[in-house]
Protein backbone atom coordinates (compact mmCIF):
# COMPACT_ATOMS: atom_id res chain seq x y z
CA MET A 1 -5.04 -39.97 -77.34
CA THR A 2 -7.08 -41.90 -79.82
CA ILE A 3 -11.01 -40.92 -79.85
CA THR A 4 -13.65 -43.43 -80.73
CA VAL A 5 -17.03 -41.96 -81.64
CA ILE A 6 -20.03 -45.12 -82.07
CA LYS A 7 -22.41 -43.59 -84.04
CA GLY A 8 -26.25 -43.45 -83.99
CA GLY A 9 -26.84 -46.71 -82.10
CA ASN A 10 -29.28 -47.70 -79.92
CA VAL A 11 -27.22 -48.02 -76.53
CA LEU A 12 -28.49 -50.50 -73.83
CA ASP A 13 -28.92 -49.01 -70.34
CA ILE A 14 -28.29 -51.95 -68.79
CA GLU A 15 -29.58 -51.19 -65.21
CA LYS A 16 -33.09 -49.71 -66.62
CA GLY A 17 -33.63 -51.85 -68.97
CA VAL A 18 -34.35 -49.61 -71.75
CA PHE A 19 -32.39 -48.09 -74.69
CA LEU A 20 -30.90 -44.61 -75.78
CA GLU A 21 -31.97 -45.06 -79.61
CA GLY A 22 -29.76 -43.06 -81.43
CA HIS A 23 -27.06 -42.22 -79.48
CA SER A 24 -23.39 -42.08 -79.88
CA VAL A 25 -20.97 -42.82 -77.47
CA VAL A 26 -17.60 -41.12 -77.19
CA ILE A 27 -14.60 -43.06 -76.38
CA GLU A 28 -11.12 -41.30 -75.42
CA GLY A 29 -8.30 -43.56 -75.19
CA ASP A 30 -9.56 -46.71 -72.24
CA ARG A 31 -12.72 -44.47 -71.49
CA ILE A 32 -16.00 -43.95 -71.94
CA VAL A 33 -16.77 -39.90 -72.19
CA GLU A 34 -19.67 -39.30 -73.21
CA VAL A 35 -22.96 -41.49 -74.36
CA THR A 36 -25.11 -38.39 -76.21
CA ASP A 37 -27.85 -37.83 -78.61
CA ARG A 38 -26.01 -35.00 -80.13
CA GLU A 39 -23.49 -35.32 -83.30
CA PRO A 40 -19.82 -35.99 -82.00
CA ASP A 41 -17.91 -33.53 -84.16
CA PHE A 42 -14.48 -34.60 -83.75
CA ALA A 43 -11.99 -34.00 -86.39
CA GLU A 44 -9.73 -37.58 -86.09
CA ALA A 45 -11.80 -39.26 -84.51
CA VAL A 46 -12.49 -43.11 -85.51
CA ILE A 47 -15.99 -43.25 -86.48
CA ILE A 48 -18.24 -46.88 -86.13
CA ASP A 49 -21.33 -46.43 -87.58
CA ALA A 50 -23.85 -47.74 -85.43
CA ARG A 51 -27.35 -46.98 -86.86
CA GLY A 52 -29.74 -49.63 -86.29
CA LYS A 53 -27.66 -51.61 -84.50
CA THR A 54 -27.82 -52.46 -79.87
CA VAL A 55 -24.26 -50.81 -78.47
CA MET A 56 -23.79 -52.35 -75.01
CA PRO A 57 -21.58 -53.65 -72.32
CA GLY A 58 -18.83 -56.18 -73.22
CA PHE A 59 -19.89 -59.22 -71.72
CA ILE A 60 -18.46 -60.86 -67.69
CA ASP A 61 -17.92 -64.57 -67.54
CA CYS A 62 -17.39 -65.23 -63.95
CA HIS A 63 -16.69 -69.10 -64.62
CA VAL A 64 -14.55 -70.38 -66.95
CA HIS A 65 -11.17 -72.09 -67.19
CA VAL A 66 -8.71 -70.97 -70.36
CA LEU A 67 -6.65 -73.53 -69.32
CA ALA A 68 -8.80 -76.47 -69.44
CA ALA A 69 -8.09 -77.13 -73.08
CA ASN A 70 -9.03 -81.02 -72.69
CA ALA A 71 -12.24 -82.07 -70.36
CA ASN A 72 -10.53 -84.38 -68.79
CA LEU A 73 -8.87 -81.90 -66.08
CA GLY A 74 -6.48 -84.79 -64.85
CA ALA A 75 -5.07 -84.95 -68.90
CA ASN A 76 -4.82 -81.65 -68.83
CA ALA A 77 -2.83 -81.35 -65.38
CA ALA A 78 -0.34 -84.35 -67.19
CA GLN A 79 0.52 -82.25 -70.03
CA PRO A 80 3.95 -80.32 -70.54
CA ASN A 81 3.43 -76.61 -69.40
CA ILE A 82 4.31 -74.88 -72.37
CA LEU A 83 1.72 -77.05 -74.54
CA ALA A 84 -1.26 -76.39 -71.67
CA THR A 85 -0.23 -72.39 -72.35
CA ILE A 86 -0.40 -72.69 -76.11
CA ARG A 87 -3.67 -74.74 -76.21
CA ALA A 88 -5.40 -71.50 -73.67
CA LEU A 89 -4.80 -69.21 -76.85
CA PRO A 90 -7.69 -70.31 -79.35
CA LEU A 91 -9.88 -70.46 -76.32
CA LEU A 92 -8.94 -67.23 -75.05
CA ASP A 93 -9.17 -65.65 -78.62
CA ALA A 94 -12.59 -66.92 -79.31
CA MET A 95 -13.80 -66.20 -75.93
CA LEU A 96 -13.03 -62.67 -76.85
CA ARG A 97 -14.61 -62.47 -80.25
CA ARG A 98 -18.26 -63.92 -78.68
CA GLY A 99 -17.92 -60.58 -76.78
CA PHE A 100 -16.80 -61.72 -73.47
CA THR A 101 -14.36 -59.11 -72.65
CA THR A 102 -13.23 -60.40 -68.82
CA VAL A 103 -13.78 -63.41 -67.28
CA ARG A 104 -12.76 -64.60 -64.19
CA ASP A 105 -10.67 -67.88 -64.52
CA ALA A 106 -12.51 -70.31 -62.12
CA GLY A 107 -8.79 -72.41 -61.54
CA GLY A 108 -5.63 -72.92 -63.44
CA ALA A 109 -5.21 -69.67 -64.88
CA ASP A 110 -2.18 -67.34 -62.91
CA TRP A 111 -0.74 -64.04 -63.19
CA ALA A 112 1.49 -64.54 -65.97
CA LEU A 113 -1.32 -65.68 -68.51
CA GLN A 114 -3.21 -62.35 -67.03
CA GLN A 115 -0.19 -60.28 -68.03
CA ALA A 116 -0.34 -61.66 -71.73
CA VAL A 117 -3.32 -60.37 -72.15
CA GLU A 118 -3.18 -57.18 -70.38
CA THR A 119 0.29 -56.30 -72.48
CA GLY A 120 -1.71 -56.91 -75.91
CA LEU A 121 0.95 -59.64 -76.73
CA ILE A 122 -2.17 -62.42 -77.26
CA PRO A 123 -5.77 -61.38 -77.49
CA GLY A 124 -7.88 -62.52 -74.77
CA PRO A 125 -10.18 -61.05 -72.47
CA ARG A 126 -9.48 -59.30 -68.90
CA ILE A 127 -8.22 -62.08 -66.91
CA PHE A 128 -9.54 -61.95 -63.14
CA PRO A 129 -7.63 -65.38 -61.92
CA SER A 130 -8.01 -67.85 -59.14
CA GLY A 131 -4.35 -69.66 -59.48
CA LYS A 132 -4.60 -73.06 -58.23
CA ALA A 133 -8.18 -73.89 -56.63
CA LEU A 134 -8.06 -74.97 -53.59
CA SER A 135 -8.91 -78.76 -52.96
CA GLN A 136 -8.40 -81.22 -49.96
CA THR A 137 -7.37 -85.10 -50.41
CA GLY A 138 -9.44 -86.60 -52.39
CA GLY A 139 -11.76 -83.73 -53.42
CA HIS A 140 -13.03 -82.22 -56.46
CA GLY A 141 -8.91 -81.26 -56.84
CA ASP A 142 -7.11 -84.56 -57.00
CA PHE A 143 -7.31 -86.12 -59.86
CA ARG A 144 -4.93 -89.21 -58.75
CA ALA A 145 -6.83 -92.47 -59.32
CA ARG A 146 -7.73 -95.08 -56.26
CA SER A 147 -4.84 -97.18 -55.38
CA ASP A 148 -3.24 -98.96 -51.92
CA LEU A 149 -0.27 -96.71 -53.19
CA LEU A 150 -1.04 -92.91 -53.10
CA ASP A 151 2.22 -90.47 -54.47
CA PRO A 152 2.26 -86.90 -53.33
CA CYS A 153 -0.18 -84.73 -55.74
CA SER A 154 2.06 -82.53 -58.02
CA CYS A 155 -0.72 -80.42 -59.09
CA CYS A 156 0.48 -77.49 -57.85
CA PHE A 157 3.38 -77.14 -59.70
CA ARG A 158 1.52 -78.31 -63.10
CA VAL A 159 0.43 -75.18 -65.45
CA GLY A 160 -2.62 -77.22 -66.94
CA ALA A 161 -3.52 -78.36 -62.98
CA ILE A 162 -6.85 -76.15 -62.56
CA ALA A 163 -6.20 -77.05 -58.46
CA ARG A 164 -4.06 -77.97 -55.93
CA VAL A 165 -3.95 -80.55 -52.92
CA VAL A 166 -3.23 -78.82 -49.74
CA ASP A 167 -4.90 -80.23 -45.85
CA GLY A 168 -5.43 -78.24 -42.18
CA VAL A 169 -5.79 -75.29 -41.18
CA ASP A 170 -2.30 -74.11 -41.10
CA ALA A 171 -1.25 -75.64 -44.38
CA VAL A 172 -4.70 -74.09 -46.21
CA ARG A 173 -3.53 -70.89 -44.70
CA LEU A 174 -0.53 -71.09 -46.46
CA ALA A 175 -1.24 -71.98 -50.06
CA ALA A 176 -4.14 -69.19 -49.68
CA ARG A 177 -0.92 -66.82 -49.21
CA GLU A 178 0.83 -68.37 -51.56
CA GLU A 179 -1.90 -67.94 -54.69
CA ILE A 180 -2.31 -64.05 -53.61
CA LEU A 181 1.20 -63.53 -53.53
CA LYS A 182 1.57 -65.04 -57.15
CA GLY A 183 -1.25 -63.10 -58.21
CA ALA A 184 -4.48 -64.31 -57.51
CA THR A 185 -7.38 -62.30 -57.70
CA GLN A 186 -9.51 -64.38 -55.38
CA ILE A 187 -8.93 -67.87 -54.02
CA LYS A 188 -11.23 -70.82 -55.45
CA ILE A 189 -12.02 -73.62 -53.13
CA MET A 190 -13.84 -77.02 -53.69
CA ALA A 191 -16.56 -77.08 -50.95
CA SER A 192 -18.56 -80.12 -52.33
CA GLY A 193 -18.23 -83.47 -54.38
CA GLY A 194 -18.10 -82.69 -58.37
CA VAL A 195 -18.76 -83.83 -61.95
CA ALA A 196 -15.30 -83.89 -63.87
CA SER A 197 -13.19 -85.39 -60.39
CA PRO A 198 -13.06 -89.52 -60.28
CA ASN A 199 -13.07 -90.13 -56.40
CA ASP A 200 -15.42 -87.59 -54.82
CA PRO A 201 -19.56 -87.75 -55.12
CA ILE A 202 -21.34 -84.81 -55.43
CA ALA A 203 -22.86 -84.79 -52.25
CA ASN A 204 -19.79 -84.89 -50.00
CA THR A 205 -18.82 -81.90 -48.26
CA GLN A 206 -15.46 -80.60 -48.53
CA TYR A 207 -13.07 -79.24 -46.07
CA SER A 208 -13.74 -78.71 -42.85
CA GLU A 209 -15.21 -75.12 -41.13
CA ASP A 210 -12.00 -74.35 -39.66
CA GLU A 211 -10.04 -74.75 -42.43
CA ILE A 212 -12.56 -72.62 -44.85
CA ARG A 213 -13.10 -70.03 -42.04
CA ALA A 214 -9.06 -69.49 -42.57
CA ILE A 215 -9.05 -69.37 -46.11
CA VAL A 216 -11.86 -67.04 -45.97
CA GLY A 217 -9.61 -65.15 -43.27
CA GLU A 218 -6.67 -65.14 -45.36
CA ALA A 219 -8.12 -63.86 -48.69
CA GLU A 220 -10.17 -61.08 -46.23
CA ALA A 221 -6.24 -59.48 -45.02
CA ALA A 222 -6.09 -59.30 -48.65
CA ASN A 223 -8.85 -57.31 -49.49
CA THR A 224 -10.60 -59.99 -51.57
CA TYR A 225 -13.17 -62.79 -51.52
CA VAL A 226 -13.50 -66.99 -51.76
CA MET A 227 -15.79 -68.09 -54.07
CA ALA A 228 -16.90 -71.87 -53.10
CA HIS A 229 -17.47 -74.45 -55.84
CA ALA A 230 -20.50 -75.88 -53.83
CA TYR A 231 -23.75 -77.61 -55.11
CA THR A 232 -26.23 -79.45 -52.52
CA SER A 233 -27.63 -77.09 -49.80
CA ARG A 234 -25.52 -78.65 -46.98
CA ALA A 235 -22.37 -77.59 -48.62
CA ILE A 236 -23.43 -74.09 -49.97
CA MET A 237 -24.69 -73.41 -46.27
CA ARG A 238 -21.78 -74.46 -45.20
CA ALA A 239 -19.12 -72.54 -47.32
CA VAL A 240 -21.50 -68.90 -46.93
CA ARG A 241 -21.74 -69.09 -43.26
CA CYS A 242 -17.76 -69.72 -43.24
CA GLY A 243 -17.62 -66.49 -45.42
CA ALA A 244 -17.28 -67.40 -48.85
CA ARG A 245 -18.72 -64.52 -51.60
CA THR A 246 -19.92 -66.16 -54.59
CA ILE A 247 -21.08 -70.00 -54.72
CA GLU A 248 -20.21 -71.68 -58.14
CA HIS A 249 -22.78 -73.88 -60.04
CA GLY A 250 -25.30 -74.72 -56.62
CA ASN A 251 -27.72 -76.68 -58.48
CA LEU A 252 -29.07 -78.95 -55.60
CA VAL A 253 -29.82 -75.68 -53.80
CA ASP A 254 -33.27 -75.25 -51.77
CA GLU A 255 -34.68 -72.46 -50.62
CA ALA A 256 -33.51 -72.35 -46.78
CA ALA A 257 -29.91 -73.06 -49.03
CA ALA A 258 -30.55 -69.97 -50.88
CA GLN A 259 -32.36 -67.45 -48.19
CA VAL A 260 -28.93 -67.74 -45.93
CA MET A 261 -26.96 -67.33 -48.84
CA ARG A 262 -29.17 -63.88 -49.57
CA GLU A 263 -29.16 -63.27 -45.38
CA HIS A 264 -25.05 -63.22 -46.37
CA LYS A 265 -25.21 -61.03 -49.35
CA ALA A 266 -23.82 -63.91 -51.47
CA TYR A 267 -23.44 -64.16 -55.26
CA ALA A 268 -24.76 -67.27 -57.71
CA VAL A 269 -22.76 -68.85 -60.33
CA PRO A 270 -25.04 -70.92 -62.36
CA THR A 271 -23.06 -72.93 -64.52
CA LEU A 272 -26.17 -74.31 -67.03
CA ALA A 273 -24.14 -75.03 -70.44
CA THR A 274 -21.97 -76.78 -69.52
CA TYR A 275 -23.67 -79.93 -68.27
CA ASP A 276 -26.02 -79.85 -71.88
CA VAL A 277 -22.57 -81.09 -73.17
CA LEU A 278 -20.64 -82.88 -70.52
CA ALA A 279 -22.63 -86.30 -70.85
CA ASP A 280 -21.35 -86.34 -74.31
CA GLU A 281 -18.37 -89.12 -74.85
CA LYS A 282 -16.81 -87.13 -77.32
CA TYR A 283 -15.81 -84.77 -75.19
CA GLY A 284 -13.64 -86.64 -73.56
CA LEU A 285 -14.88 -86.64 -70.17
CA PRO A 286 -14.62 -90.13 -67.97
CA ALA A 287 -17.36 -92.74 -67.86
CA ASP A 288 -17.78 -92.28 -64.18
CA SER A 289 -17.46 -88.69 -64.10
CA ARG A 290 -20.37 -88.39 -66.93
CA ALA A 291 -22.41 -90.68 -64.75
CA LYS A 292 -22.62 -87.46 -62.32
CA VAL A 293 -23.85 -85.10 -65.01
CA ALA A 294 -27.36 -86.34 -65.20
CA ALA A 295 -27.85 -85.56 -61.26
CA VAL A 296 -27.21 -81.97 -61.34
CA GLN A 297 -28.06 -81.25 -65.33
CA ARG A 298 -32.12 -81.82 -63.94
CA ALA A 299 -31.72 -79.87 -61.13
CA GLY A 300 -29.82 -76.90 -62.99
CA ARG A 301 -32.92 -74.43 -64.43
CA GLU A 302 -34.74 -75.23 -61.12
CA SER A 303 -31.83 -73.53 -59.37
CA LEU A 304 -32.44 -70.70 -61.22
CA SER A 305 -36.10 -69.95 -60.26
CA ILE A 306 -35.05 -71.02 -55.92
CA PHE A 307 -32.33 -68.02 -56.80
CA HIS A 308 -34.19 -65.50 -58.17
CA LYS A 309 -37.15 -66.13 -55.65
CA ALA A 310 -35.10 -65.68 -53.21
CA ASP A 311 -33.61 -62.25 -54.75
CA VAL A 312 -30.25 -63.81 -54.61
CA PRO A 313 -28.33 -62.17 -57.60
CA MET A 314 -26.57 -64.51 -60.06
CA GLY A 315 -23.31 -63.83 -61.92
CA PHE A 316 -23.09 -65.38 -65.92
CA GLY A 317 -20.98 -68.44 -65.74
CA SER A 318 -20.43 -71.27 -67.97
CA ASP A 319 -17.26 -73.70 -67.02
CA LEU A 320 -16.96 -75.69 -70.51
CA LEU A 321 -14.00 -77.78 -70.80
CA GLY A 322 -11.96 -78.13 -73.87
CA ASP A 323 -13.44 -78.14 -77.30
CA MET A 324 -16.71 -77.22 -75.21
CA GLN A 325 -16.15 -73.71 -74.86
CA ALA A 326 -17.44 -72.66 -78.25
CA PHE A 327 -21.05 -73.41 -76.49
CA GLN A 328 -20.12 -70.83 -74.75
CA SER A 329 -23.24 -68.17 -75.35
CA ASN A 330 -25.60 -70.78 -75.01
CA GLU A 331 -25.61 -69.86 -71.17
CA PHE A 332 -28.12 -66.97 -72.29
CA ARG A 333 -30.19 -68.89 -73.99
CA ILE A 334 -30.55 -71.63 -71.13
CA ARG A 335 -31.10 -69.04 -68.19
CA ALA A 336 -33.61 -66.39 -70.88
CA GLU A 337 -35.74 -69.28 -70.94
CA VAL A 338 -36.53 -69.34 -66.98
CA LEU A 339 -35.83 -65.84 -66.08
CA GLY A 340 -36.31 -63.33 -69.24
CA ASN A 341 -33.39 -61.64 -71.75
CA LEU A 342 -32.75 -58.75 -69.49
CA GLU A 343 -31.64 -60.87 -66.06
CA VAL A 344 -29.84 -62.94 -68.09
CA LEU A 345 -28.26 -60.01 -69.75
CA ARG A 346 -27.57 -58.18 -66.32
CA SER A 347 -25.68 -61.37 -65.15
CA ALA A 348 -23.41 -60.77 -68.23
CA THR A 349 -22.89 -57.38 -67.26
CA LEU A 350 -23.80 -55.23 -64.11
CA ILE A 351 -23.60 -58.36 -62.02
CA GLY A 352 -20.14 -59.73 -63.10
CA ALA A 353 -19.04 -56.11 -62.43
CA GLU A 354 -20.30 -56.20 -58.63
CA ILE A 355 -18.90 -60.33 -58.36
CA LEU A 356 -15.17 -58.45 -59.30
CA ASN A 357 -15.38 -55.03 -57.31
CA MET A 358 -15.37 -53.34 -60.67
CA LYS A 359 -19.06 -51.71 -60.28
CA GLY A 360 -19.14 -48.58 -62.46
CA GLN A 361 -16.10 -49.56 -64.37
CA LEU A 362 -17.40 -52.67 -66.42
CA GLY A 363 -20.42 -54.15 -66.90
CA THR A 364 -21.81 -50.56 -68.36
CA ILE A 365 -21.66 -47.84 -70.62
CA SER A 366 -21.93 -44.63 -69.13
CA PRO A 367 -19.51 -41.81 -68.29
CA GLY A 368 -16.07 -42.88 -66.65
CA ALA A 369 -16.53 -47.07 -67.82
CA ILE A 370 -13.55 -48.94 -69.09
CA ALA A 371 -14.28 -49.15 -72.55
CA ASP A 372 -15.83 -52.63 -73.48
CA VAL A 373 -18.37 -52.15 -75.44
CA LEU A 374 -20.38 -54.52 -78.40
CA VAL A 375 -21.90 -53.32 -81.59
CA VAL A 376 -24.81 -56.15 -82.07
CA ASP A 377 -26.83 -57.07 -84.68
CA GLY A 378 -30.49 -57.25 -83.32
CA ASP A 379 -32.11 -56.09 -80.06
CA PRO A 380 -31.26 -58.84 -77.34
CA LEU A 381 -34.05 -57.73 -75.05
CA VAL A 382 -36.46 -59.46 -77.48
CA ASP A 383 -34.70 -61.92 -79.38
CA ILE A 384 -31.28 -63.50 -76.83
CA GLU A 385 -30.63 -64.99 -80.50
CA ALA A 386 -28.71 -61.86 -80.72
CA VAL A 387 -25.76 -62.79 -78.18
CA ALA A 388 -26.85 -66.42 -78.04
CA ARG A 389 -25.38 -67.40 -81.57
CA GLY A 390 -22.22 -65.73 -80.73
CA ALA A 391 -19.80 -63.85 -82.70
CA GLU A 392 -22.35 -64.22 -85.88
CA ARG A 393 -23.82 -61.08 -84.78
CA ILE A 394 -21.32 -59.35 -83.16
CA HIS A 395 -20.03 -56.72 -85.48
CA TYR A 396 -17.62 -54.98 -83.09
CA VAL A 397 -15.84 -55.86 -80.05
CA ILE A 398 -13.99 -53.34 -78.58
CA GLN A 399 -11.74 -53.56 -75.38
CA ASN A 400 -10.33 -51.09 -73.64
CA GLY A 401 -10.93 -48.72 -76.21
CA LYS A 402 -9.41 -50.76 -79.04
CA ILE A 403 -11.40 -52.48 -81.17
CA VAL A 404 -10.66 -55.96 -81.32
CA SER A 405 -12.47 -57.65 -82.81
CA ARG A 406 -14.73 -56.73 -86.22
CA LEU A 407 -17.19 -59.47 -88.02
CA ASP A 408 -16.31 -57.86 -91.36
CA GLN A 409 -12.84 -59.11 -91.06
CA ALA A 410 -13.43 -62.45 -89.43
């Protein structure tokens, strides 16, 4: 079994927010076996010199769409299945180079793509797929244009579609069971209107409470949970009271809704980086969707303070589409301005691991954890640019104990 030693770096203890200076991390196979200040002595180990650099856990992005190669989500769904898959490959590789060793896909990615990464067929972050998100007719996952005739939505058969349209308690139960059968590690629902969809105002709530409870019941029966797209306080409170475990976006949250989340031990996954670039027409978002951006962009930064004040744990999310995914690391910069560097680093490590039910396995440099490790130039506790500049200052990305990216070989 291969032994790798990351030697003499400043190991960041994310939980305590302190460095273990001049420590070495010993990796055996795909696991961390030791963090030590002694001089490791292994005859045939792979040695990585980390002196003067930060050694920290690989990042977790809890809200991505790896198959969204185009900002126009309706156009993604219309492209041939093979083309949709191939276009995801450079997006996955770029995420990995930016230090994101794990992602939770919020609609689109499936078991097959997860397996392609897991078996080493393609480079990319470890994927926790949601399969197709569930959307009501006319909801955030329904990209059919307004018309006097509505053809049945073919979205559930299209690789590039992020969602499937399904209505009614019995139907959503079946859809949730199907997505779990196909390999979804959690179920995504659309519980409010959204930006990227054509016909649903953001203030709308979506799905009846009976439908949401039915989906939550199926997820819980399969020992998993529901993540809910929701912007407004009304939508957030409905979803959480019906059992949703994570709220995606949440830009228009108020103190009352945040308190409900805290009482129900729900997580927030803000996705602020996306709004700073969505309004630019060069990225292909339709005009009616761009018009919605301003309403949520202004409130987004305020939502961070509201969640923080209510002690709602926040996972890291980006939700970028198409070429905009290059701005994934901007989320660090945006959040650090409001919450400070340590909190945003925790959101992308410890809290992300909690959301994925992988506490102690991901998001930490400690014995027994999966060996997802970054070697970074600079001190991200003092200078968030050490991670906000993406791949520029990440010298090594180690995933499952293997070096998957090196700055000197980029």
